[in-house]
Structures are given as structure tokens and as C-alpha cells.
Amino acid sequence: MNGQPVKPIALRLTDHSIAERVQDLSAQHGLSLNMTVNMLLGYAFNKVDEEGKEFTPVTVFETKEGGE
């Protein structure tokens, strides 16, 4: 890292099946949820880097102005 303290962030897993998988993995390996999520994110970023891919922003949905 760059020597700066890491600011904590909140994370909400909105997909129930992913949340369950993270909890199961955490329990299986005796890790905290925080450590499990950090390890999964690290693994995902390493895979993206290995494959030379980039994250592409995707618009999931948009609303029209005026609330239509």
C-alpha cells in the first residue's frame, strides 16, 4: 500500500445467494466475514489483472427525467 491508513467502507451484498456463499465460506475456513470478502476481492482483482481485462461500467437501469 502507500502507507496511508485504510478507511473502512460498508458493503451490502444484495444477492442473497452470494451473501450465503460468503457466510458459508467464512464458516468453513474459520475467517471473519471481513477477511473472507477481502480475500475474494483480492482474488477477483488478481484474475482480472492476469487476464489483462478492464472493468467496464454498465448501466443496469435508467429512469427518464420527470419520473416517467
Protein backbone atom coordinates (compact mmCIF):
# COMPACT_ATOMS: atom_id res chain seq x y z
CA MET A 1 0.00 0.00 0.00
CA ASN A 2 1.01 3.64 0.00
CA GLY A 3 1.43 3.94 3.78
CA GLN A 4 -1.92 5.65 4.19
CA PRO A 5 -4.38 4.16 6.69
CA VAL A 6 -7.23 2.29 5.03
CA LYS A 7 -10.58 3.97 5.52
CA PRO A 8 -13.30 1.44 6.36
CA ILE A 9 -16.20 1.11 3.94
CA ALA A 10 -19.58 -0.53 4.32
CA LEU A 11 -20.56 -3.25 1.88
CA ARG A 12 -24.05 -4.58 1.25
CA LEU A 13 -24.41 -7.88 -0.58
CA THR A 14 -27.74 -7.55 -2.35
CA ASP A 15 -27.77 -11.02 -3.92
CA HIS A 16 -28.98 -13.46 -1.26
CA SER A 17 -27.18 -16.46 -2.77
CA ILE A 18 -23.85 -14.60 -2.85
CA ALA A 19 -24.32 -13.50 0.77
CA GLU A 20 -24.97 -17.12 1.78
CA ARG A 21 -21.90 -18.34 -0.11
CA VAL A 22 -19.71 -15.74 1.59
CA GLN A 23 -21.08 -16.73 5.00
CA ASP A 24 -20.57 -20.44 4.28
CA LEU A 25 -17.01 -19.88 3.05
CA SER A 26 -16.27 -17.77 6.12
CA ALA A 27 -17.52 -20.50 8.46
CA GLN A 28 -15.74 -23.31 6.57
CA HIS A 29 -12.37 -21.60 6.90
CA GLY A 30 -12.88 -20.01 10.32
CA LEU A 31 -12.48 -16.50 8.94
CA SER A 32 -14.36 -13.31 9.69
CA LEU A 33 -16.76 -12.06 7.05
CA ASN A 34 -14.49 -9.06 6.57
CA MET A 35 -11.43 -11.24 5.88
CA THR A 36 -13.43 -13.52 3.56
CA VAL A 37 -14.72 -10.59 1.48
CA ASN A 38 -11.22 -9.07 1.32
CA MET A 39 -9.74 -12.37 0.13
CA LEU A 40 -12.45 -12.81 -2.51
CA LEU A 41 -11.96 -9.27 -3.80
CA GLY A 42 -8.20 -9.77 -3.91
CA TYR A 43 -8.64 -13.00 -5.86
CA ALA A 44 -11.05 -11.34 -8.30
CA PHE A 45 -8.70 -8.39 -8.93
CA ASN A 46 -5.75 -10.75 -9.45
CA LYS A 47 -7.75 -12.75 -12.01
CA VAL A 48 -8.74 -9.59 -13.87
CA ASP A 49 -5.09 -8.46 -13.91
CA GLU A 50 -3.86 -11.90 -15.07
CA GLU A 51 -6.30 -11.90 -17.95
CA GLY A 52 -5.45 -8.31 -18.90
CA LYS A 53 -9.07 -7.26 -18.68
CA GLU A 54 -10.54 -3.98 -17.55
CA PHE A 55 -13.74 -3.24 -15.71
CA THR A 56 -16.37 -1.74 -17.98
CA PRO A 57 -19.09 0.39 -16.42
CA VAL A 58 -22.54 -0.98 -17.15
CA THR A 59 -25.83 0.87 -16.75
CA VAL A 60 -28.25 -1.54 -15.10
CA PHE A 61 -31.27 0.70 -15.50
CA GLU A 62 -32.11 4.34 -16.03
CA THR A 63 -35.17 6.41 -15.32
CA LYS A 64 -36.49 9.14 -17.54
CA GLU A 65 -36.46 12.66 -16.20
CA GLY A 66 -39.75 13.55 -14.61
CA GLY A 67 -40.15 10.11 -13.06
CA GLU A 68 -41.96 8.53 -16.01
